[in-house]
Amino acid sequence: VQLVESGGGLVQAGQSLRLACVASGDVVSVEAMGWYRQAPGKQRELVATIAADGNTHYSDTLKGRFAISRDNAKNTWYLQMTSPQPEDTAVYYCNARITTHRRVGGMDLGTYDYWGQGTQVTVSS
């Protein structure tokens, strides 16, 4: 199973940006998806999560500016960043709790946490 983020880059403050994360490989089901970020010199922090039933949870400081959504058919989820500011500059990571086969060719299933490699978002003032 692999998670691959896309959509990062350099934007000006106030310019909207949408990140995407795709899960590929032996994905039986995706239980929950999320976005985290890590700014230079800071710990990784939660941005938002979305459950299989669509329930969302946001960081209190980001709620209202960012929106998470998912496309179950494509095993893809998104982070819409509305009016980002320089303080939103960070590496953004996607995360998912995914059910997959424990062994190639096996029948037993297991549920594990996976992370993407991260995508840099830089917001200039």
Foldseek 3Di string as FASTA:
>chain_A
DAKAKDWADEEAFQDKTKMKIFDDDQFPFWAKKFKWWDDPPGDIGGAKMAGPVGDIDGDPVCPPQWDKDDDRVRRMIMIIGGRDDQVPWTWMKMKTWTWGAPDVVDDDIDTDMDMHPTGTHGYHD
